[in-house]
Protein backbone atom coordinates (compact mmCIF):
# COMPACT_ATOMS: atom_id res chain seq x y z
CA UNK A 1 -12.35 -22.36 -11.30
CA UNK A 2 -14.41 -19.28 -10.43
CA UNK A 3 -12.25 -16.41 -9.19
CA UNK A 4 -13.90 -13.92 -6.80
CA UNK A 5 -12.42 -10.91 -8.58
CA UNK A 6 -14.26 -7.74 -7.59
CA UNK A 7 -16.44 -9.67 -5.11
CA UNK A 8 -15.77 -8.57 -1.55
CA UNK A 9 -18.75 -10.15 0.22
CA UNK A 10 -18.24 -13.53 1.92
CA UNK A 11 -21.85 -14.61 1.41
CA UNK A 12 -21.73 -13.87 -2.34
CA UNK A 13 -18.50 -15.81 -2.74
CA UNK A 14 -19.81 -18.89 -0.95
CA UNK A 15 -23.31 -18.81 -2.48
CA UNK A 16 -21.88 -18.20 -5.95
CA UNK A 17 -19.47 -21.11 -5.80
CA UNK A 18 -16.37 -18.94 -6.06
CA UNK A 19 -13.04 -20.09 -4.66
CA UNK A 20 -12.60 -19.03 -1.04
CA UNK A 21 -9.24 -19.30 0.71
CA UNK A 22 -10.30 -20.48 4.16
CA UNK A 23 -9.35 -17.93 6.83
CA UNK A 24 -12.06 -19.00 9.27
CA UNK A 25 -9.70 -20.66 11.74
CA UNK A 26 -8.12 -17.26 12.34
CA UNK A 27 -11.57 -15.66 12.38
CA UNK A 28 -12.68 -18.10 15.08
CA UNK A 29 -9.59 -17.33 17.14
CA UNK A 30 -10.31 -13.62 16.73
CA UNK A 31 -13.95 -13.74 17.86
CA UNK A 32 -13.11 -16.09 20.74
CA UNK A 33 -10.33 -14.09 22.33
CA UNK A 34 -11.40 -10.46 22.59
CA UNK A 35 -13.91 -7.70 22.02
CA UNK A 36 -12.38 -4.65 20.29
CA UNK A 37 -9.98 -4.89 17.34
CA UNK A 38 -8.37 -2.74 14.67
CA UNK A 39 -6.60 -3.96 11.52
CA UNK A 40 -4.65 -1.91 8.98
CA UNK A 41 -3.93 -3.40 5.57
CA UNK A 42 -3.27 -1.91 2.10
CA UNK A 43 -6.13 -1.36 -0.33
CA UNK A 44 -7.35 -4.40 -2.30
CA UNK A 45 -5.98 -6.75 0.35
CA UNK A 46 -9.16 -8.45 1.53
CA UNK A 47 -10.24 -6.22 4.42
CA UNK A 48 -13.83 -6.04 3.19
CA UNK A 49 -13.96 -9.81 2.68
CA UNK A 50 -12.74 -10.34 6.24
CA UNK A 51 -15.31 -7.86 7.57
CA UNK A 52 -18.19 -9.57 5.76
CA UNK A 53 -16.94 -12.97 6.97
CA UNK A 54 -17.27 -11.66 10.52
CA UNK A 55 -20.70 -10.29 9.62
CA UNK A 56 -21.91 -13.70 8.38
CA UNK A 57 -20.52 -15.41 11.48
CA UNK A 58 -22.21 -13.04 13.94
CA UNK A 59 -25.47 -13.24 11.99
CA UNK A 60 -25.41 -16.96 12.75
CA UNK A 61 -25.31 -18.04 9.10
CA UNK A 62 -23.92 -21.47 9.85
CA UNK A 63 -24.78 -22.83 6.39
CA UNK A 64 -22.23 -20.52 4.74
CA UNK A 65 -19.38 -22.10 6.70
CA UNK A 66 -19.98 -25.67 5.56
CA UNK A 67 -16.69 -27.51 4.89
CA UNK A 68 -14.70 -24.61 6.34
CA UNK A 69 -12.67 -24.66 9.56
CA UNK A 70 -15.38 -22.66 11.33
CA UNK A 71 -17.89 -25.52 10.92
CA UNK A 72 -15.64 -27.76 13.00
CA UNK A 73 -14.62 -25.13 15.55
CA UNK A 74 -17.91 -23.37 16.40
CA UNK A 75 -20.39 -25.48 18.35
CA UNK A 76 -22.61 -22.72 19.73
CA UNK A 77 -23.98 -20.51 16.95
CA UNK A 78 -25.66 -17.29 18.15
CA UNK A 79 -27.32 -14.58 16.07
CA UNK A 80 -26.33 -11.05 17.10
CA UNK A 81 -27.57 -7.66 15.86
CA UNK A 82 -24.82 -6.56 13.46
CA UNK A 83 -24.09 -2.90 12.65
CA UNK A 84 -21.88 -2.89 9.54
CA UNK A 85 -20.80 0.57 8.43
CA UNK A 86 -18.82 0.66 5.18
CA UNK A 87 -17.06 3.92 4.26
CA UNK A 88 -15.59 2.60 1.00
CA UNK A 89 -17.15 3.48 -2.32
CA UNK A 90 -17.77 7.15 -1.51
CA UNK A 91 -15.67 10.30 -1.81
CA UNK A 92 -15.76 12.46 1.32
CA UNK A 93 -14.77 15.83 -0.11
CA UNK A 94 -17.52 17.92 1.45
CA UNK A 95 -18.47 18.66 5.04
CA UNK A 96 -21.87 16.97 4.67
CA UNK A 97 -20.74 13.76 2.93
CA UNK A 98 -19.60 11.81 6.02
CA UNK A 99 -22.66 12.69 8.07
CA UNK A 100 -24.97 11.76 5.19
CA UNK A 101 -23.32 8.34 4.86
CA UNK A 102 -23.65 7.64 8.59
CA UNK A 103 -27.26 8.85 8.74
CA UNK A 104 -28.17 6.60 5.79
CA UNK A 105 -26.99 3.60 7.80
CA UNK A 106 -28.78 4.83 10.93
CA UNK A 107 -32.08 5.11 9.08
CA UNK A 108 -31.75 1.55 7.81
CA UNK A 109 -31.03 0.23 11.32
CA UNK A 110 -33.84 2.28 12.88
CA UNK A 111 -36.31 0.41 10.69
CA UNK A 112 -35.20 -2.76 12.49
CA UNK A 113 -34.79 -1.49 16.04
CA UNK A 114 -36.92 1.66 16.28
CA UNK A 115 -36.14 5.35 16.33
CA UNK A 116 -35.59 7.61 19.33
CA UNK A 117 -36.50 11.18 18.37
CA UNK A 118 -34.56 12.60 21.34
CA UNK A 119 -31.18 11.53 19.96
CA UNK A 120 -30.02 14.07 17.39
CA UNK A 121 -26.23 13.90 17.71
CA UNK A 122 -24.32 11.17 15.87
CA UNK A 123 -22.90 9.56 19.01
CA UNK A 124 -26.13 9.73 21.01
CA UNK A 125 -28.20 8.37 18.14
CA UNK A 126 -25.81 5.43 17.65
CA UNK A 127 -25.69 4.63 21.37
CA UNK A 128 -29.49 4.64 21.52
CA UNK A 129 -29.60 2.26 18.56
CA UNK A 130 -27.29 -0.20 20.30
CA UNK A 131 -29.39 -0.08 23.45
CA UNK A 132 -32.65 -0.70 21.57
CA UNK A 133 -31.07 -3.55 19.61
CA UNK A 134 -30.11 -5.22 22.88
CA UNK A 135 -33.56 -4.68 24.37
CA UNK A 136 -35.31 -6.13 21.30
CA UNK A 137 -33.04 -9.12 20.64
CA UNK A 138 -31.60 -9.94 24.04
CA UNK A 139 -28.13 -9.96 22.47
CA UNK A 140 -25.35 -7.40 22.54
CA UNK A 141 -24.44 -5.68 19.28
CA UNK A 142 -21.57 -6.35 16.90
CA UNK A 143 -20.00 -3.27 15.27
CA UNK A 144 -18.06 -3.66 12.01
CA UNK A 145 -16.58 -0.54 10.40
CA UNK A 146 -14.84 -0.91 7.03
CA UNK A 147 -12.38 1.75 5.75
CA UNK A 148 -12.90 3.84 8.88
CA UNK A 149 -10.17 6.25 7.75
CA UNK A 150 -11.36 7.06 4.23
CA UNK A 151 -13.08 10.33 5.23
CA UNK A 152 -9.64 11.44 6.48
CA UNK A 153 -7.39 10.20 3.67
CA UNK A 154 -9.81 11.70 1.13
CA UNK A 155 -9.30 15.13 2.68
CA UNK A 156 -5.53 15.32 3.11
CA UNK A 157 -4.65 18.90 2.25
CA UNK A 158 -8.20 20.12 2.98
CA UNK A 159 -7.78 20.92 6.66
CA UNK A 160 -11.20 22.44 7.33
CA UNK A 161 -13.11 19.47 5.89
CA UNK A 162 -10.76 16.96 7.51
CA UNK A 163 -11.17 18.58 10.94
CA UNK A 164 -14.95 18.38 10.60
CA UNK A 165 -14.79 14.76 9.45
CA UNK A 166 -12.54 13.90 12.39
CA UNK A 167 -15.00 15.52 14.79
CA UNK A 168 -17.90 13.46 13.39
CA UNK A 169 -15.88 10.23 13.49
CA UNK A 170 -14.78 10.88 17.07
CA UNK A 171 -18.42 11.16 18.07
CA UNK A 172 -19.24 7.92 16.24
CA UNK A 173 -16.32 5.88 17.55
CA UNK A 174 -16.72 7.28 21.05
CA UNK A 175 -19.77 5.02 21.33
CA UNK A 176 -17.39 2.04 21.68
CA UNK A 177 -16.73 3.33 25.18
CA UNK A 178 -20.02 5.04 25.95
CA UNK A 179 -22.19 2.02 25.09
CA UNK A 180 -19.70 -0.68 26.07
CA UNK A 181 -22.29 -2.70 28.03
CA UNK A 182 -24.32 -3.19 24.84
CA UNK A 183 -21.41 -4.29 22.64
CA UNK A 184 -20.34 -7.91 22.11
CA UNK A 185 -17.61 -7.29 19.55
CA UNK A 186 -16.18 -4.41 17.48
CA UNK A 187 -13.85 -4.53 14.50
CA UNK A 188 -12.48 -1.57 12.53
CA UNK A 189 -10.39 -1.75 9.36
CA UNK A 190 -8.59 0.83 7.28
CA UNK A 191 -5.38 1.58 5.45
CA UNK A 192 -3.93 4.01 7.98
CA UNK A 193 -3.88 4.43 11.75
CA UNK A 194 -4.60 8.04 12.68
CA UNK A 195 -3.34 7.78 16.24
CA UNK A 196 -2.26 11.40 16.63
CA UNK A 197 -5.52 12.72 15.21
CA UNK A 198 -7.37 11.38 18.24
CA UNK A 199 -9.82 9.10 16.44
CA UNK A 200 -9.45 6.47 19.15
CA UNK A 201 -9.02 8.81 22.10
CA UNK A 202 -12.69 8.72 23.04
CA UNK A 203 -13.10 5.02 22.39
CA UNK A 204 -12.29 1.85 24.27
CA UNK A 205 -8.82 1.44 22.82
CA UNK A 206 -9.10 -1.39 20.27
CA UNK A 207 -6.33 -3.97 20.12
CA UNK A 208 -4.24 -3.27 17.04
CA UNK A 209 -3.66 -6.45 15.02
CA UNK A 210 -1.82 -4.70 12.20
CA UNK A 211 1.65 -5.91 13.22
CA UNK A 212 0.60 -9.07 15.06
CA UNK A 213 2.51 -12.28 14.25
CA UNK A 214 -0.58 -14.29 15.12
CA UNK A 215 -2.83 -12.54 12.58
CA UNK A 216 -0.24 -11.58 9.95
CA UNK A 217 -1.86 -13.83 7.32
CA UNK A 218 -5.54 -13.14 8.08
CA UNK A 219 -5.66 -11.15 4.81
CA UNK A 220 -3.83 -12.04 1.63
CA UNK A 221 -2.66 -15.41 0.31
CA UNK A 222 0.32 -17.37 1.65
CA UNK A 223 2.65 -19.63 -0.33
CA UNK A 224 1.08 -22.77 1.13
CA UNK A 225 -2.42 -21.47 0.32
CA UNK A 226 -1.36 -20.78 -3.26
CA UNK A 227 -0.19 -24.40 -3.63
CA UNK A 228 -3.25 -25.83 -1.86
CA UNK A 229 -5.97 -23.91 -3.69
CA UNK A 230 -4.45 -23.00 -7.04
CA UNK A 231 -1.87 -25.65 -7.98
CA UNK A 232 -3.79 -26.83 -11.07
CA UNK A 233 -4.31 -23.23 -12.18
CA UNK A 234 -0.60 -22.51 -11.84
CA UNK A 235 0.12 -25.56 -14.02
CA UNK A 236 -2.27 -24.25 -16.68
CA UNK A 237 -0.58 -20.84 -16.47
CA UNK A 238 2.84 -22.49 -16.89
CA UNK A 239 1.62 -24.46 -19.90
CA UNK A 240 0.38 -21.27 -21.56
CA UNK A 241 3.74 -19.54 -21.09
CA UNK A 242 5.70 -22.71 -21.96
CA UNK A 243 7.62 -22.74 -18.68
CA UNK A 244 7.90 -25.31 -15.90
CA UNK A 245 5.51 -25.21 -12.96
CA UNK A 246 8.36 -24.39 -10.58
CA UNK A 247 9.41 -21.48 -12.81
CA UNK A 248 5.80 -20.29 -12.88
CA UNK A 249 5.64 -20.29 -9.08
CA UNK A 250 8.91 -18.33 -9.01
CA UNK A 251 7.54 -15.75 -11.47
CA UNK A 252 4.39 -15.26 -9.38
CA UNK A 253 6.47 -14.95 -6.22
CA UNK A 254 8.77 -12.28 -7.65
CA UNK A 255 5.87 -10.29 -9.05
CA UNK A 256 3.18 -10.46 -6.35
CA UNK A 257 4.60 -11.96 -3.10
CA UNK A 258 6.83 -10.44 -0.44
CA UNK A 259 4.49 -8.66 1.99
CA UNK A 260 5.33 -9.03 5.68
CA UNK A 261 3.16 -7.46 8.36
CA UNK A 262 5.17 -8.36 11.47
CA UNK A 263 8.72 -9.27 12.39
CA UNK A 264 8.01 -13.02 12.06
CA UNK A 265 5.36 -12.90 9.35
CA UNK A 266 5.56 -15.41 6.53
CA UNK A 267 5.40 -14.11 2.97
CA UNK A 268 1.97 -12.91 1.85
CA UNK A 269 0.82 -12.41 -1.74
CA UNK A 270 -1.30 -9.46 -2.82
CA UNK A 271 -4.59 -11.35 -3.35
CA UNK A 272 -6.04 -8.92 -5.90
CA UNK A 273 -3.05 -9.12 -8.23
CA UNK A 274 -2.51 -12.85 -7.78
CA UNK A 275 -6.13 -13.79 -8.55
CA UNK A 276 -6.21 -11.50 -11.58
CA UNK A 277 -2.98 -12.99 -12.90
CA UNK A 278 -4.24 -16.56 -12.45
CA UNK A 279 -7.54 -15.67 -14.09
CA UNK A 280 -6.03 -13.81 -17.07
CA UNK A 281 -2.93 -16.03 -17.32
CA UNK A 282 -0.89 -12.83 -17.65
CA UNK A 283 1.77 -11.17 -15.48
CA UNK A 284 0.69 -7.52 -15.28
CA UNK A 285 0.67 -4.69 -12.73
CA UNK A 286 -2.94 -5.22 -11.62
CA UNK A 287 -2.76 -3.43 -8.27
CA UNK A 288 -1.50 -0.19 -9.81
CA UNK A 289 -4.19 -0.22 -12.47
CA UNK A 290 -6.76 0.34 -9.70
CA UNK A 291 -5.49 3.66 -8.41
CA UNK A 292 -2.78 6.31 -8.29
CA UNK A 293 -1.23 7.36 -4.96
CA UNK A 294 -1.67 11.09 -5.62
CA UNK A 295 -1.73 12.08 -1.94
CA UNK A 296 1.60 10.30 -1.46
CA UNK A 297 3.12 12.36 -4.26
CA UNK A 298 2.10 15.52 -2.38
CA UNK A 299 3.74 14.22 0.78
CA UNK A 300 6.94 13.20 -1.01
CA UNK A 301 7.21 16.63 -2.60
CA UNK A 302 7.20 18.31 0.82
CA UNK A 303 9.79 16.05 2.45
CA UNK A 304 13.46 15.27 1.82
CA UNK A 305 12.83 11.56 1.25
CA UNK A 306 15.54 9.27 -0.06
CA UNK A 307 13.50 7.16 -2.51
CA UNK A 308 16.51 5.01 -3.58
CA UNK A 309 16.73 3.78 0.02
CA UNK A 310 13.40 2.01 -0.53
CA UNK A 311 15.38 -0.84 -2.11
CA UNK A 312 15.77 -2.74 1.19
CA UNK A 313 17.87 -0.04 2.89
CA UNK A 314 15.32 1.83 5.00
CA UNK A 315 15.38 1.43 8.79
CA UNK A 316 12.59 2.58 11.09
CA UNK A 317 10.90 1.73 14.39
CA UNK A 318 7.62 -0.05 15.04
CA UNK A 319 6.24 3.06 16.69
CA UNK A 320 6.83 5.10 13.53
CA UNK A 321 5.15 2.45 11.37
CA UNK A 322 2.10 2.21 13.60
CA UNK A 323 0.91 5.80 13.32
CA UNK A 324 0.16 7.80 10.20
CA UNK A 325 0.30 11.11 12.08
CA UNK A 326 -1.09 14.11 10.29
CA UNK A 327 -0.45 12.72 6.82
CA UNK A 328 2.43 15.02 5.93
CA UNK A 329 5.34 14.33 8.27
CA UNK A 330 5.46 10.55 8.65
CA UNK A 331 5.75 9.65 4.98
CA UNK A 332 7.38 6.30 5.76
CA UNK A 333 4.33 5.20 7.76
CA UNK A 334 2.09 6.37 4.92
CA UNK A 335 4.04 4.33 2.37
CA UNK A 336 4.19 1.26 4.62
CA UNK A 337 0.52 1.26 5.59
CA UNK A 338 -0.51 1.92 1.99
CA UNK A 339 1.41 -1.14 0.78
CA UNK A 340 4.26 0.54 -1.11
CA UNK A 341 6.82 -0.60 1.47
CA UNK A 342 6.89 -3.73 3.59
CA UNK A 343 8.99 -5.32 6.33
CA UNK A 344 12.13 -6.99 4.99
CA UNK A 345 13.89 -7.70 8.27
CA UNK A 346 13.99 -6.97 11.99
CA UNK A 347 17.00 -6.33 14.21
CA UNK A 348 17.69 -4.40 17.41
CA UNK A 349 14.05 -3.23 17.63
CA UNK A 350 14.27 -1.69 14.17
CA UNK A 351 12.51 -2.72 10.96
CA UNK A 352 14.24 -2.88 7.59
CA UNK A 353 11.80 -1.78 4.89
CA UNK A 354 11.75 -2.18 1.12
CA UNK A 355 9.51 -2.72 -1.87
CA UNK A 356 7.59 -6.00 -1.41
CA UNK A 357 7.82 -7.22 -5.00
CA UNK A 358 8.40 -6.33 -8.65
CA UNK A 359 4.84 -5.14 -9.22
CA UNK A 360 5.16 -2.50 -6.53
CA UNK A 361 8.73 -1.40 -7.34
CA UNK A 362 8.02 -1.11 -11.08
CA UNK A 363 4.58 0.39 -10.62
CA UNK A 364 5.73 2.84 -7.98
CA UNK A 365 8.34 4.36 -10.28
CA UNK A 366 6.13 4.38 -13.37
CA UNK A 367 3.21 5.97 -11.56
CA UNK A 368 5.26 8.40 -9.50
CA UNK A 369 7.18 9.95 -12.40
CA UNK A 370 4.08 11.17 -14.30
CA UNK A 371 2.65 12.55 -11.06
CA UNK A 372 5.86 14.46 -10.38
CA UNK A 373 5.62 16.04 -13.83
CA UNK A 374 3.23 18.58 -15.32
CA UNK A 375 2.63 17.01 -18.75
CA UNK A 376 -0.78 17.89 -20.16
CA UNK A 377 -1.93 14.34 -20.92
CA UNK A 378 -1.31 10.85 -19.58
CA UNK A 379 -0.52 9.73 -23.15
CA UNK A 380 2.36 12.21 -23.27
CA UNK A 381 3.65 10.99 -19.92
CA UNK A 382 3.52 7.35 -20.99
CA UNK A 383 5.22 8.12 -24.30
CA UNK A 384 8.08 9.92 -22.54
CA UNK A 385 8.76 6.84 -20.41
CA UNK A 386 8.45 4.44 -23.35
CA UNK A 387 11.05 6.46 -25.26
CA UNK A 388 13.35 6.52 -22.23
CA UNK A 389 13.13 2.74 -21.93
CA UNK A 390 13.91 2.32 -25.64
CA UNK A 391 16.96 4.59 -25.46
CA UNK A 392 18.35 2.85 -22.36
CA UNK A 393 17.82 -0.60 -23.83
CA UNK A 394 19.59 0.56 -27.00
CA UNK A 395 22.46 1.93 -24.87
CA UNK A 396 22.13 5.30 -26.63
CA UNK A 397 23.57 7.39 -23.80
CA UNK A 398 23.09 10.87 -25.26
CA UNK A 399 19.53 10.02 -26.29
CA UNK A 400 18.50 8.72 -22.87
CA UNK A 401 20.21 11.60 -21.04
CA UNK A 402 18.38 14.05 -23.33
CA UNK A 403 15.13 12.25 -22.58
CA UNK A 404 15.81 12.46 -18.84
CA UNK A 405 16.44 16.19 -19.27
CA UNK A 406 13.13 16.53 -21.13
CA UNK A 407 11.17 14.70 -18.42
CA UNK A 408 12.99 16.67 -15.71
CA UNK A 409 11.91 19.93 -17.36
CA UNK A 410 8.31 18.94 -16.61
CA UNK A 411 8.92 18.60 -12.86
CA UNK A 412 7.47 21.55 -10.89
CA UNK A 413 10.03 21.68 -8.06
CA UNK A 414 8.05 23.41 -5.32
CA UNK A 415 10.88 24.00 -2.88
CA UNK A 416 13.45 26.77 -3.26
CA UNK A 417 15.92 25.09 -0.89
CA UNK A 418 18.97 23.77 -2.78
CA UNK A 419 19.11 20.61 -0.64
CA UNK A 420 15.46 19.74 -1.32
CA UNK A 421 15.85 20.54 -5.02
CA UNK A 422 18.89 18.25 -5.14
CA UNK A 423 17.00 15.52 -3.28
CA UNK A 424 14.14 15.74 -5.78
CA UNK A 425 16.62 15.55 -8.66
CA UNK A 426 18.28 12.48 -7.13
CA UNK A 427 14.90 10.83 -6.61
CA UNK A 428 13.78 11.60 -10.16
CA UNK A 429 17.01 10.30 -11.70
CA UNK A 430 16.66 7.08 -9.74
CA UNK A 431 12.96 6.71 -10.59
CA UNK A 432 13.48 7.28 -14.30
CA UNK A 433 16.26 4.70 -14.64
CA UNK A 434 14.34 2.30 -12.39
CA UNK A 435 11.27 2.68 -14.62
CA UNK A 436 13.21 1.17 -17.52
CA UNK A 437 13.27 -2.16 -15.70
CA UNK A 438 16.91 -2.03 -14.59
CA UNK A 439 18.09 -2.40 -11.00
CA UNK A 440 19.68 0.87 -9.90
CA UNK A 441 22.13 1.38 -7.07
CA UNK A 442 22.51 4.88 -5.64
CA UNK A 443 25.56 5.69 -3.51
CA UNK A 444 26.93 2.35 -4.71
CA UNK A 445 29.79 1.34 -2.35
CA UNK A 446 33.21 0.56 -3.83
CA UNK A 447 36.65 0.51 -2.24
CA UNK A 448 37.54 4.09 -1.33
CA UNK A 449 34.27 5.74 -2.23
CA UNK A 450 30.68 5.61 -3.44
CA UNK A 451 29.37 5.85 -6.99
CA UNK A 452 26.44 8.29 -7.25
CA UNK A 453 24.42 6.14 -9.67
CA UNK A 454 25.29 2.64 -10.88
CA UNK A 455 23.29 0.34 -13.15
CA UNK A 456 23.78 -2.34 -15.79
CA UNK A 457 22.15 -3.21 -19.09
CA UNK A 458 22.68 -6.38 -21.09
CA UNK A 459 25.92 -5.10 -22.64
CA UNK A 460 27.03 -2.10 -20.57
CA UNK A 461 27.83 -0.98 -17.02
CA UNK A 462 27.04 2.67 -16.26
CA UNK A 463 28.89 4.79 -13.70
CA UNK A 464 27.22 8.18 -13.24
CA UNK A 465 28.69 10.93 -11.06
CA UNK A 466 26.58 14.03 -10.36
CA UNK A 467 27.65 17.53 -9.33
CA UNK A 468 25.44 20.41 -8.24
CA UNK A 469 26.21 23.84 -9.69
CA UNK A 470 29.67 22.79 -10.87
CA UNK A 471 30.54 21.13 -14.19
CA UNK A 472 30.12 17.79 -15.91
CA UNK A 473 33.90 17.61 -16.48
CA UNK A 474 34.51 17.84 -12.73
CA UNK A 475 32.07 14.97 -12.20
CA UNK A 476 33.83 12.86 -14.82
CA UNK A 477 37.22 13.69 -13.31
CA UNK A 478 36.07 12.34 -9.96
CA UNK A 479 35.23 8.99 -11.57
CA UNK A 480 38.78 8.81 -12.94
CA UNK A 481 40.47 10.12 -9.78
CA UNK A 482 38.66 7.58 -7.60
CA UNK A 483 39.36 4.82 -10.16
CA UNK A 484 35.74 3.66 -9.94
CA UNK A 485 35.89 1.85 -13.29
CA UNK A 486 38.76 -0.37 -12.14
CA UNK A 487 36.89 -1.27 -8.95
CA UNK A 488 33.83 -2.58 -10.79
CA UNK A 489 33.54 -6.23 -11.73
CA UNK A 490 32.07 -5.90 -15.21
CA UNK A 491 32.79 -9.35 -16.69
CA UNK A 492 32.56 -8.89 -20.48
CA UNK A 493 30.53 -5.68 -20.31
CA UNK A 494 31.80 -2.32 -21.50
CA UNK A 495 31.99 0.40 -18.82
CA UNK A 496 30.43 3.78 -19.64
CA UNK A 497 31.36 6.79 -17.49
CA UNK A 498 28.95 9.73 -17.34
CA UNK A 499 29.62 13.05 -15.61
CA UNK A 500 26.54 15.19 -14.94
CA UNK A 501 25.99 18.73 -13.68
CA UNK A 502 22.66 19.73 -12.13
CA UNK A 503 21.77 23.41 -11.83
CA UNK A 504 19.63 24.47 -8.87
CA UNK A 505 18.80 27.70 -10.70
CA UNK A 506 17.54 25.95 -13.84
CA UNK A 507 16.38 22.93 -11.81
CA UNK A 508 17.61 20.49 -14.40
CA UNK A 509 20.69 18.84 -15.83
CA UNK A 510 22.55 21.48 -17.81
CA UNK A 511 25.33 19.33 -19.22
CA UNK A 512 26.80 15.84 -19.25
CA UNK A 513 29.98 14.24 -20.56
CA UNK A 514 30.20 10.62 -21.69
CA UNK A 515 33.37 8.56 -21.92
């Protein structure tokens, strides 16, 4: 089997004989039922493949759809002038970079449809292009814009450049309204939806498919698609690991499945990770190897965010999920739209969010910790976490607490507010234990109280109580006074009680007591 890893163009996949998971029935429904659409999906989730599938369809390339659902559904193939603008692959960290990218596309299209010297502004020049394309071909234009938001996400924290980029994009996207009579279809994709930044304010408001039940599986791979297209490959994978096929499916599901993009969405696998795993016959964190969410780290550092609540405890509204805002206040939307959180449930008009799968939960903690710290090299960061994992797995309490203290000393707490410092400490403690591969419960409920931090290893159960600017003995006393150890079902495991004091002045653990 030929896996289309790194290939994001529909025509290349079909012409090259690569495996294509047929999404053309949904594509046909999309092109048959409207004109202006927007879709948000995480990176590496097939947005570019979907965009180029639309491009091939509107270019009338019927031969590429042989044996696909589209061949049966479409009876009237028409060739339209297609304007495909792809913002991926470039870094927009200067005022000129966005304009240069757009102008490069304009110059290519003007070779086909002619140039009007009177149109100098971005919006006017684009509108004139659409008009000339209609006059020359007799068909309205199709506009496809991939990663429309990248010039904005690239410049989070660089307000002057971002404002200029937004101004240019507003002029470009405003053509969707200005030249409406020359447009047959428009489709925009991206990771985020910058509603409050006014990107769509000048445009014909596109229908947002991002949380649509109907189109929830238009990107990604479903469970049934995995069985239909890759069953033999899964069997080969199982044989290599000496497990049953059903166990292999379960391993893939835990690691790469679990995305939901609407309240009634079926499970969706991350296609990039799944295809890489099937190709390599290895279970690795492929998605995280492709990039580090550095801008999210900046946002998290400026907000009192309860990271432990990401384990299926986070409630929010659809309105909050739909809009990224200005990139600093709505961190939950940023995490959801970027693929670090997904929908786990829906009740009373609220969404329950959590990590979609093991790859994301493990990768999130392992990537976030080094970015919180100020270690000089990535090797040093990785070594610190490897040592922590070894100490925890060996149940060497003093060693792993000392290692946590060492890592914590590298965290540049930016805030001077005690509550924010404490929140960052709580998040870091959770992340570090979570990075060792153990499930961690924060504010773990027991009869008559809540345990600050609770986790289990193969042989031990850990009860950790934390105090701020007090003493470790006081923390340990609370464990005994509340009788937490007696309220824990530990089977044959030994219970370890740990009292910890965190100093806001030193911004680290200053002492701990183990019993």
